[in-house]
N, C-alpha and C. Protein backbone atom coordinates (compact mmCIF):
# COMPACT_ATOMS: atom_id res chain seq x y z
N MET A 1 49.57 -87.44 -8.99
CA MET A 1 49.01 -88.75 -9.25
C MET A 1 50.00 -89.83 -8.84
N GLU A 2 49.48 -90.87 -8.26
CA GLU A 2 50.28 -91.99 -7.77
C GLU A 2 51.00 -92.69 -8.93
N SER A 3 52.28 -92.99 -8.75
CA SER A 3 53.02 -93.63 -9.85
C SER A 3 52.91 -95.15 -9.76
N PHE A 4 52.94 -95.77 -10.93
CA PHE A 4 52.86 -97.23 -10.99
C PHE A 4 53.41 -97.71 -12.31
N ASP A 5 53.76 -98.98 -12.36
CA ASP A 5 54.15 -99.62 -13.61
C ASP A 5 52.94 -100.35 -14.15
N PHE A 6 52.80 -100.37 -15.47
CA PHE A 6 51.67 -101.08 -16.07
C PHE A 6 52.19 -102.10 -17.06
N ILE A 7 51.79 -103.32 -16.89
CA ILE A 7 52.20 -104.42 -17.76
C ILE A 7 50.95 -104.96 -18.41
N GLU A 8 50.96 -105.09 -19.72
CA GLU A 8 49.78 -105.58 -20.42
C GLU A 8 50.15 -106.78 -21.28
N MET A 9 49.32 -107.80 -21.23
CA MET A 9 49.52 -109.00 -22.04
C MET A 9 48.23 -109.28 -22.80
N LYS A 10 48.38 -109.79 -24.00
CA LYS A 10 47.22 -110.30 -24.74
C LYS A 10 47.51 -111.76 -25.05
N VAL A 11 46.56 -112.61 -24.74
CA VAL A 11 46.73 -114.03 -25.05
C VAL A 11 45.50 -114.52 -25.80
N PRO A 12 45.68 -115.54 -26.64
CA PRO A 12 44.50 -116.13 -27.27
C PRO A 12 43.55 -116.65 -26.19
N ALA A 13 42.27 -116.54 -26.45
CA ALA A 13 41.26 -116.95 -25.46
C ALA A 13 41.11 -118.47 -25.45
N ARG A 14 42.21 -119.13 -25.08
CA ARG A 14 42.20 -120.59 -25.02
C ARG A 14 42.82 -121.03 -23.70
N ALA A 15 42.30 -122.12 -23.18
CA ALA A 15 42.69 -122.60 -21.85
C ALA A 15 44.19 -122.83 -21.72
N GLU A 16 44.85 -123.23 -22.82
CA GLU A 16 46.28 -123.55 -22.69
C GLU A 16 47.15 -122.33 -22.38
N TYR A 17 46.61 -121.13 -22.48
CA TYR A 17 47.40 -119.94 -22.17
C TYR A 17 47.24 -119.47 -20.72
N VAL A 18 46.35 -120.11 -19.98
CA VAL A 18 46.15 -119.72 -18.58
C VAL A 18 47.45 -119.89 -17.80
N GLY A 19 48.19 -120.97 -18.07
CA GLY A 19 49.45 -121.22 -17.37
C GLY A 19 50.48 -120.13 -17.60
N VAL A 20 50.52 -119.58 -18.81
CA VAL A 20 51.45 -118.50 -19.14
C VAL A 20 51.14 -117.27 -18.27
N VAL A 21 49.86 -116.96 -18.14
CA VAL A 21 49.46 -115.80 -17.35
C VAL A 21 49.71 -116.06 -15.86
N ARG A 22 49.50 -117.30 -15.42
CA ARG A 22 49.78 -117.65 -14.01
C ARG A 22 51.27 -117.44 -13.71
N LEU A 23 52.13 -117.86 -14.62
CA LEU A 23 53.58 -117.68 -14.42
C LEU A 23 53.94 -116.20 -14.36
N SER A 24 53.35 -115.41 -15.24
CA SER A 24 53.62 -113.97 -15.23
C SER A 24 53.14 -113.35 -13.93
N THR A 25 51.96 -113.74 -13.49
CA THR A 25 51.40 -113.24 -12.23
C THR A 25 52.34 -113.57 -11.08
N SER A 26 52.79 -114.79 -11.05
CA SER A 26 53.69 -115.26 -10.00
C SER A 26 54.97 -114.43 -9.98
N GLY A 27 55.54 -114.19 -11.16
CA GLY A 27 56.77 -113.41 -11.24
C GLY A 27 56.60 -111.98 -10.76
N ILE A 28 55.51 -111.35 -11.19
CA ILE A 28 55.24 -109.96 -10.80
C ILE A 28 55.00 -109.86 -9.30
N ALA A 29 54.14 -110.75 -8.78
CA ALA A 29 53.78 -110.71 -7.35
C ALA A 29 54.98 -111.03 -6.47
N ASN A 30 55.81 -111.97 -6.91
CA ASN A 30 57.01 -112.34 -6.15
C ASN A 30 57.96 -111.15 -6.07
N ARG A 31 58.13 -110.48 -7.19
CA ARG A 31 59.01 -109.31 -7.24
C ARG A 31 58.51 -108.20 -6.30
N MET A 32 57.19 -108.11 -6.14
CA MET A 32 56.59 -107.08 -5.29
C MET A 32 56.71 -107.41 -3.81
N GLY A 33 56.96 -108.69 -3.48
CA GLY A 33 57.11 -109.07 -2.08
C GLY A 33 55.90 -109.76 -1.47
N PHE A 34 54.97 -110.22 -2.29
CA PHE A 34 53.82 -110.98 -1.77
C PHE A 34 54.31 -112.32 -1.22
N SER A 35 53.60 -112.84 -0.23
CA SER A 35 53.95 -114.15 0.36
C SER A 35 53.54 -115.26 -0.60
N TYR A 36 54.04 -116.46 -0.34
CA TYR A 36 53.70 -117.62 -1.16
C TYR A 36 52.18 -117.82 -1.22
N GLU A 37 51.51 -117.73 -0.05
CA GLU A 37 50.06 -117.93 0.01
C GLU A 37 49.32 -116.87 -0.79
N GLU A 38 49.77 -115.63 -0.68
CA GLU A 38 49.12 -114.54 -1.43
C GLU A 38 49.30 -114.74 -2.93
N ILE A 39 50.48 -115.20 -3.33
CA ILE A 39 50.74 -115.44 -4.75
C ILE A 39 49.84 -116.57 -5.25
N GLU A 40 49.67 -117.61 -4.45
CA GLU A 40 48.76 -118.70 -4.83
C GLU A 40 47.33 -118.18 -4.98
N ASP A 41 46.89 -117.34 -4.05
CA ASP A 41 45.55 -116.74 -4.13
C ASP A 41 45.39 -115.93 -5.41
N LEU A 42 46.41 -115.12 -5.71
CA LEU A 42 46.37 -114.31 -6.93
C LEU A 42 46.26 -115.20 -8.17
N LYS A 43 47.05 -116.26 -8.20
CA LYS A 43 47.05 -117.15 -9.36
C LYS A 43 45.68 -117.83 -9.54
N VAL A 44 45.08 -118.25 -8.44
CA VAL A 44 43.76 -118.89 -8.53
C VAL A 44 42.71 -117.88 -9.01
N ALA A 45 42.72 -116.68 -8.42
CA ALA A 45 41.72 -115.66 -8.79
C ALA A 45 41.86 -115.28 -10.26
N ILE A 46 43.09 -115.08 -10.72
CA ILE A 46 43.31 -114.68 -12.10
C ILE A 46 42.96 -115.82 -13.05
N SER A 47 43.28 -117.05 -12.65
CA SER A 47 42.90 -118.22 -13.46
C SER A 47 41.39 -118.31 -13.61
N GLU A 48 40.67 -118.04 -12.53
CA GLU A 48 39.21 -118.06 -12.58
C GLU A 48 38.68 -117.01 -13.56
N ALA A 49 39.22 -115.80 -13.47
CA ALA A 49 38.77 -114.72 -14.36
C ALA A 49 39.10 -115.07 -15.82
N LEU A 50 40.28 -115.63 -16.04
CA LEU A 50 40.68 -116.02 -17.40
C LEU A 50 39.83 -117.17 -17.92
N SER A 51 39.60 -118.16 -17.09
CA SER A 51 38.79 -119.31 -17.51
C SER A 51 37.39 -118.85 -17.87
N ASN A 52 36.86 -117.95 -17.06
CA ASN A 52 35.55 -117.38 -17.33
C ASN A 52 35.53 -116.72 -18.70
N ALA A 53 36.56 -115.94 -18.98
CA ALA A 53 36.64 -115.24 -20.26
C ALA A 53 36.81 -116.22 -21.42
N THR A 54 37.69 -117.20 -21.27
CA THR A 54 37.95 -118.12 -22.39
C THR A 54 36.76 -119.04 -22.65
N GLU A 55 36.04 -119.42 -21.59
CA GLU A 55 34.91 -120.34 -21.78
C GLU A 55 33.68 -119.65 -22.33
N HIS A 56 33.44 -118.40 -21.92
CA HIS A 56 32.14 -117.80 -22.20
C HIS A 56 32.15 -116.65 -23.19
N ALA A 57 33.28 -116.00 -23.35
CA ALA A 57 33.27 -114.80 -24.20
C ALA A 57 33.26 -115.13 -25.68
N TYR A 58 33.84 -116.26 -26.04
CA TYR A 58 34.03 -116.54 -27.46
C TYR A 58 33.48 -117.91 -27.82
N LYS A 59 32.22 -118.12 -27.56
CA LYS A 59 31.61 -119.42 -27.83
C LYS A 59 31.72 -119.81 -29.30
N THR A 60 31.59 -118.85 -30.19
CA THR A 60 31.56 -119.20 -31.61
C THR A 60 32.84 -118.81 -32.34
N GLU A 61 33.67 -118.01 -31.72
CA GLU A 61 34.88 -117.55 -32.40
C GLU A 61 36.09 -118.32 -31.89
N ASP A 62 37.02 -118.62 -32.78
CA ASP A 62 38.25 -119.28 -32.37
C ASP A 62 39.36 -118.28 -32.08
N ASP A 63 39.22 -117.07 -32.60
CA ASP A 63 40.36 -116.16 -32.58
C ASP A 63 40.22 -115.04 -31.56
N GLY A 64 39.43 -115.27 -30.53
CA GLY A 64 39.28 -114.23 -29.53
C GLY A 64 40.54 -114.04 -28.71
N GLU A 65 40.66 -112.87 -28.13
CA GLU A 65 41.79 -112.56 -27.27
C GLU A 65 41.30 -112.16 -25.89
N VAL A 66 42.14 -112.41 -24.91
CA VAL A 66 41.89 -111.90 -23.56
C VAL A 66 43.06 -110.97 -23.26
N THR A 67 42.75 -109.79 -22.73
CA THR A 67 43.78 -108.83 -22.35
C THR A 67 43.91 -108.83 -20.84
N ILE A 68 45.13 -108.94 -20.36
CA ILE A 68 45.40 -108.92 -18.93
C ILE A 68 46.30 -107.73 -18.66
N GLY A 69 45.90 -106.90 -17.72
CA GLY A 69 46.70 -105.73 -17.35
C GLY A 69 47.08 -105.82 -15.88
N PHE A 70 48.34 -105.56 -15.58
CA PHE A 70 48.83 -105.56 -14.19
C PHE A 70 49.24 -104.14 -13.83
N GLY A 71 48.58 -103.55 -12.86
CA GLY A 71 48.97 -102.24 -12.33
C GLY A 71 49.79 -102.50 -11.07
N VAL A 72 51.10 -102.25 -11.16
CA VAL A 72 52.02 -102.53 -10.05
C VAL A 72 52.25 -101.24 -9.27
N TYR A 73 51.66 -101.16 -8.09
CA TYR A 73 51.78 -99.99 -7.22
C TYR A 73 52.69 -100.31 -6.04
N GLN A 74 53.03 -99.31 -5.28
CA GLN A 74 53.86 -99.50 -4.08
C GLN A 74 53.18 -100.44 -3.09
N ASP A 75 51.86 -100.31 -2.92
CA ASP A 75 51.17 -101.04 -1.85
C ASP A 75 50.17 -102.09 -2.34
N ARG A 76 50.08 -102.29 -3.66
CA ARG A 76 49.05 -103.21 -4.15
C ARG A 76 49.32 -103.62 -5.59
N LEU A 77 48.66 -104.70 -5.98
CA LEU A 77 48.66 -105.14 -7.37
C LEU A 77 47.21 -105.10 -7.85
N GLU A 78 46.98 -104.40 -8.94
CA GLU A 78 45.66 -104.37 -9.56
C GLU A 78 45.75 -105.17 -10.84
N VAL A 79 44.84 -106.14 -11.01
CA VAL A 79 44.87 -106.98 -12.20
C VAL A 79 43.54 -106.85 -12.91
N MET A 80 43.61 -106.55 -14.22
CA MET A 80 42.41 -106.46 -15.03
C MET A 80 42.41 -107.60 -16.03
N VAL A 81 41.27 -108.23 -16.16
CA VAL A 81 41.10 -109.26 -17.18
C VAL A 81 39.90 -108.83 -18.03
N ALA A 82 40.14 -108.63 -19.33
CA ALA A 82 39.09 -108.17 -20.24
C ALA A 82 38.95 -109.17 -21.36
N ASP A 83 37.72 -109.56 -21.65
CA ASP A 83 37.53 -110.59 -22.68
C ASP A 83 37.18 -110.02 -24.04
N ARG A 84 37.45 -108.74 -24.24
CA ARG A 84 37.20 -108.17 -25.56
C ARG A 84 38.42 -107.46 -26.09
N GLY A 85 39.57 -108.15 -26.13
CA GLY A 85 40.78 -107.59 -26.72
C GLY A 85 41.01 -106.14 -26.37
N GLY A 86 41.53 -105.38 -27.31
CA GLY A 86 41.71 -103.94 -27.11
C GLY A 86 42.71 -103.62 -26.01
N SER A 87 43.22 -102.40 -26.01
CA SER A 87 44.13 -101.98 -24.96
C SER A 87 43.35 -101.26 -23.88
N PHE A 88 43.95 -101.18 -22.71
CA PHE A 88 43.30 -100.54 -21.58
C PHE A 88 43.58 -99.05 -21.55
N ASP A 89 42.55 -98.26 -21.35
CA ASP A 89 42.75 -96.89 -20.90
C ASP A 89 42.45 -96.97 -19.41
N LEU A 90 43.50 -97.21 -18.63
CA LEU A 90 43.34 -97.54 -17.22
C LEU A 90 42.52 -96.51 -16.46
N GLN A 91 42.81 -95.22 -16.67
CA GLN A 91 42.09 -94.20 -15.91
C GLN A 91 40.60 -94.19 -16.25
N LYS A 92 40.28 -94.39 -17.53
CA LYS A 92 38.89 -94.41 -17.95
C LYS A 92 38.16 -95.62 -17.34
N ILE A 93 38.81 -96.78 -17.40
CA ILE A 93 38.19 -97.98 -16.84
C ILE A 93 37.93 -97.79 -15.36
N LYS A 94 38.93 -97.28 -14.64
CA LYS A 94 38.78 -97.13 -13.19
C LYS A 94 37.71 -96.11 -12.83
N LYS A 95 37.52 -95.12 -13.70
CA LYS A 95 36.48 -94.11 -13.44
C LYS A 95 35.09 -94.72 -13.64
N ASP A 96 34.97 -95.61 -14.62
CA ASP A 96 33.66 -96.15 -14.99
C ASP A 96 33.28 -97.44 -14.26
N ILE A 97 34.20 -98.04 -13.55
CA ILE A 97 33.96 -99.38 -13.01
C ILE A 97 33.29 -99.29 -11.65
N GLY A 98 32.54 -100.31 -11.30
CA GLY A 98 31.86 -100.31 -10.00
C GLY A 98 32.12 -101.61 -9.26
N PRO A 99 31.87 -101.61 -7.95
CA PRO A 99 32.14 -102.81 -7.16
C PRO A 99 31.23 -103.97 -7.57
N TYR A 100 31.73 -105.15 -7.43
CA TYR A 100 30.93 -106.35 -7.68
C TYR A 100 30.00 -106.54 -6.51
N GLU A 101 28.72 -106.63 -6.77
CA GLU A 101 27.72 -106.81 -5.71
C GLU A 101 27.27 -108.26 -5.71
N ASN A 102 27.22 -108.86 -4.52
CA ASN A 102 26.77 -110.25 -4.41
C ASN A 102 25.36 -110.45 -4.94
N ASN A 103 24.55 -109.39 -4.93
CA ASN A 103 23.16 -109.55 -5.36
C ASN A 103 22.98 -109.35 -6.86
N GLN A 104 24.08 -109.07 -7.58
CA GLN A 104 23.96 -108.96 -9.03
C GLN A 104 23.60 -110.32 -9.59
N SER A 105 22.78 -110.33 -10.59
CA SER A 105 22.46 -111.60 -11.23
C SER A 105 23.70 -112.11 -11.94
N ILE A 106 24.19 -113.24 -11.51
CA ILE A 106 25.41 -113.80 -12.08
C ILE A 106 25.23 -114.06 -13.57
N GLU A 107 24.02 -114.44 -13.98
CA GLU A 107 23.79 -114.72 -15.40
C GLU A 107 24.06 -113.49 -16.26
N ASP A 108 23.91 -112.30 -15.66
CA ASP A 108 24.19 -111.08 -16.41
C ASP A 108 25.67 -110.99 -16.77
N LEU A 109 26.51 -111.60 -15.96
CA LEU A 109 27.95 -111.49 -16.20
C LEU A 109 28.43 -112.63 -17.08
N ARG A 110 28.17 -113.85 -16.68
CA ARG A 110 28.51 -115.03 -17.47
C ARG A 110 27.88 -116.22 -16.79
N GLU A 111 27.78 -117.33 -17.50
CA GLU A 111 27.28 -118.50 -16.83
C GLU A 111 28.26 -118.95 -15.77
N GLY A 112 29.52 -119.02 -15.87
CA GLY A 112 30.36 -119.61 -14.81
C GLY A 112 30.46 -118.75 -13.59
N GLY A 113 29.34 -118.40 -13.00
CA GLY A 113 29.29 -117.41 -11.93
C GLY A 113 30.02 -117.77 -10.67
N PHE A 114 30.20 -119.06 -10.38
CA PHE A 114 30.87 -119.44 -9.14
C PHE A 114 32.26 -118.82 -9.05
N GLY A 115 32.93 -118.71 -10.19
CA GLY A 115 34.28 -118.15 -10.21
C GLY A 115 34.35 -116.76 -9.61
N LEU A 116 33.31 -115.96 -9.79
CA LEU A 116 33.30 -114.61 -9.24
C LEU A 116 33.27 -114.62 -7.72
N PHE A 117 32.55 -115.58 -7.14
CA PHE A 117 32.52 -115.68 -5.68
C PHE A 117 33.91 -116.06 -5.16
N LEU A 118 34.57 -116.97 -5.88
CA LEU A 118 35.91 -117.40 -5.50
C LEU A 118 36.88 -116.23 -5.60
N ILE A 119 36.81 -115.49 -6.70
CA ILE A 119 37.68 -114.33 -6.89
C ILE A 119 37.47 -113.33 -5.75
N GLU A 120 36.21 -113.09 -5.42
CA GLU A 120 35.90 -112.13 -4.36
C GLU A 120 36.47 -112.58 -3.02
N ALA A 121 36.47 -113.90 -2.77
CA ALA A 121 36.99 -114.43 -1.52
C ALA A 121 38.51 -114.30 -1.44
N LEU A 122 39.19 -114.39 -2.58
CA LEU A 122 40.66 -114.42 -2.59
C LEU A 122 41.30 -113.04 -2.71
N MET A 123 40.55 -112.08 -3.24
CA MET A 123 41.12 -110.75 -3.48
C MET A 123 40.56 -109.76 -2.46
N ASP A 124 41.24 -108.62 -2.32
CA ASP A 124 40.78 -107.60 -1.37
C ASP A 124 39.64 -106.77 -1.94
N LYS A 125 39.61 -106.62 -3.25
CA LYS A 125 38.58 -105.78 -3.88
C LYS A 125 38.33 -106.32 -5.28
N VAL A 126 37.07 -106.42 -5.66
CA VAL A 126 36.72 -106.89 -7.01
C VAL A 126 35.72 -105.92 -7.60
N GLU A 127 36.00 -105.47 -8.82
CA GLU A 127 35.08 -104.58 -9.53
C GLU A 127 34.82 -105.15 -10.91
N ILE A 128 33.61 -104.92 -11.40
CA ILE A 128 33.19 -105.50 -12.67
C ILE A 128 32.65 -104.40 -13.57
N LYS A 129 32.99 -104.49 -14.83
CA LYS A 129 32.39 -103.61 -15.84
C LYS A 129 31.94 -104.53 -16.96
N ASN A 130 30.68 -104.46 -17.33
CA ASN A 130 30.21 -105.40 -18.37
C ASN A 130 29.28 -104.77 -19.38
N ASP A 131 29.62 -103.58 -19.84
CA ASP A 131 28.79 -102.99 -20.89
C ASP A 131 29.15 -103.54 -22.27
N TYR A 132 30.41 -103.84 -22.50
CA TYR A 132 30.80 -104.47 -23.77
C TYR A 132 31.85 -105.51 -23.41
N GLY A 133 31.47 -106.77 -23.44
CA GLY A 133 32.36 -107.78 -22.89
C GLY A 133 32.36 -107.63 -21.37
N VAL A 134 33.30 -108.29 -20.72
CA VAL A 134 33.39 -108.20 -19.27
C VAL A 134 34.82 -107.82 -18.91
N ILE A 135 34.96 -106.83 -18.01
CA ILE A 135 36.26 -106.50 -17.44
C ILE A 135 36.16 -106.77 -15.95
N VAL A 136 37.08 -107.58 -15.45
CA VAL A 136 37.16 -107.83 -14.00
C VAL A 136 38.42 -107.14 -13.52
N LEU A 137 38.27 -106.26 -12.53
CA LEU A 137 39.42 -105.57 -11.92
C LEU A 137 39.56 -106.09 -10.50
N MET A 138 40.70 -106.73 -10.24
CA MET A 138 40.94 -107.35 -8.93
C MET A 138 42.11 -106.66 -8.27
N THR A 139 41.99 -106.38 -6.98
CA THR A 139 43.06 -105.70 -6.24
C THR A 139 43.50 -106.57 -5.07
N LYS A 140 44.81 -106.71 -4.92
CA LYS A 140 45.40 -107.40 -3.77
C LYS A 140 46.41 -106.44 -3.15
N TYR A 141 46.22 -106.16 -1.85
CA TYR A 141 47.12 -105.23 -1.15
C TYR A 141 48.30 -105.98 -0.56
N LEU A 142 49.45 -105.31 -0.54
CA LEU A 142 50.63 -105.83 0.16
C LEU A 142 50.45 -105.50 1.64
N HIS A 143 50.53 -106.50 2.49
CA HIS A 143 50.30 -106.28 3.93
C HIS A 143 51.59 -106.46 4.71
N GLU A 144 52.69 -105.95 4.18
CA GLU A 144 53.98 -106.24 4.79
C GLU A 144 54.19 -105.57 6.15
N ASN A 145 53.47 -104.50 6.44
CA ASN A 145 53.72 -103.78 7.68
C ASN A 145 52.77 -104.16 8.81
N GLU A 146 51.96 -105.18 8.60
CA GLU A 146 50.95 -105.48 9.62
C GLU A 146 51.42 -106.45 10.70
N VAL A 147 52.56 -107.08 10.52
CA VAL A 147 53.03 -108.09 11.47
C VAL A 147 53.99 -107.44 12.45
N ASP A 148 53.69 -107.56 13.75
CA ASP A 148 54.63 -107.09 14.76
C ASP A 148 55.88 -107.94 14.70
N ILE A 149 56.98 -107.40 15.19
CA ILE A 149 58.28 -108.06 15.02
C ILE A 149 58.31 -109.48 15.58
N ASN A 150 57.61 -109.77 16.66
CA ASN A 150 57.67 -111.12 17.24
C ASN A 150 56.44 -111.97 16.95
N ASP A 151 55.49 -111.42 16.25
CA ASP A 151 54.22 -112.11 16.04
C ASP A 151 54.32 -113.44 15.33
N ASP A 152 54.97 -113.42 14.19
CA ASP A 152 54.83 -114.54 13.27
C ASP A 152 56.16 -115.24 13.03
N GLN A 153 57.05 -115.13 13.97
CA GLN A 153 58.40 -115.66 13.73
C GLN A 153 58.74 -116.74 14.73
N ILE A 154 59.62 -117.63 14.29
CA ILE A 154 60.03 -118.73 15.15
C ILE A 154 61.04 -118.22 16.17
N SER A 155 61.96 -117.38 15.75
CA SER A 155 62.91 -116.82 16.70
C SER A 155 62.83 -115.30 16.63
N THR A 156 63.31 -114.64 17.67
CA THR A 156 63.24 -113.18 17.70
C THR A 156 64.47 -112.54 17.07
N THR A 157 65.47 -113.34 16.71
CA THR A 157 66.64 -112.76 16.06
C THR A 157 66.39 -112.74 14.56
N GLN A 158 66.90 -111.71 13.94
CA GLN A 158 66.68 -111.57 12.49
C GLN A 158 67.90 -112.03 11.74
C-alpha cells in the first residue's frame, strides 16, 4: 500500500476559521513543492468547500464542526472536507466515494452549488459523498516533472 502522511484538523463551523485552514493548506502545499499558483488554487477550492460546510451544514446549530483531512502523498495532495465532525476512516471513505458529476442536482448537495463548479475547475479530481452530511474529497497532483529543462525558464543555466 502506498505510504502517506495524514493530517486532520477540526474547526468550529464558522467563517472566521477559514483563514486558519487556508494557512495550514498553504504550509502543507508549500512543503510539498506546489507552485504559488497551485497553492492559491488549493486555498480557493478548500475555502469554497469550507464555506459551503459552514453556511449550509449547521443552519440551526452554533456548535457544529468541520473536519479537514490532508492526505500528503509523494505525487499529490488529497484534501477532505466533512461537515459532520467525526474522524476519517480514510480507506472506507475512499472506497465508498464517487466522482462529482456535473449533472447531479446541486440542490441535493447544498444550496451554494456554484462553489462545487469552482472547486472542480481548480482541482484535478473532485469526489462527493453525501449520505450523512457532505464529504468533499479534492485531489491536486504535483506536476513537477512535466516541464522540459528549457521550457519555462528565463535562462538555461541553473
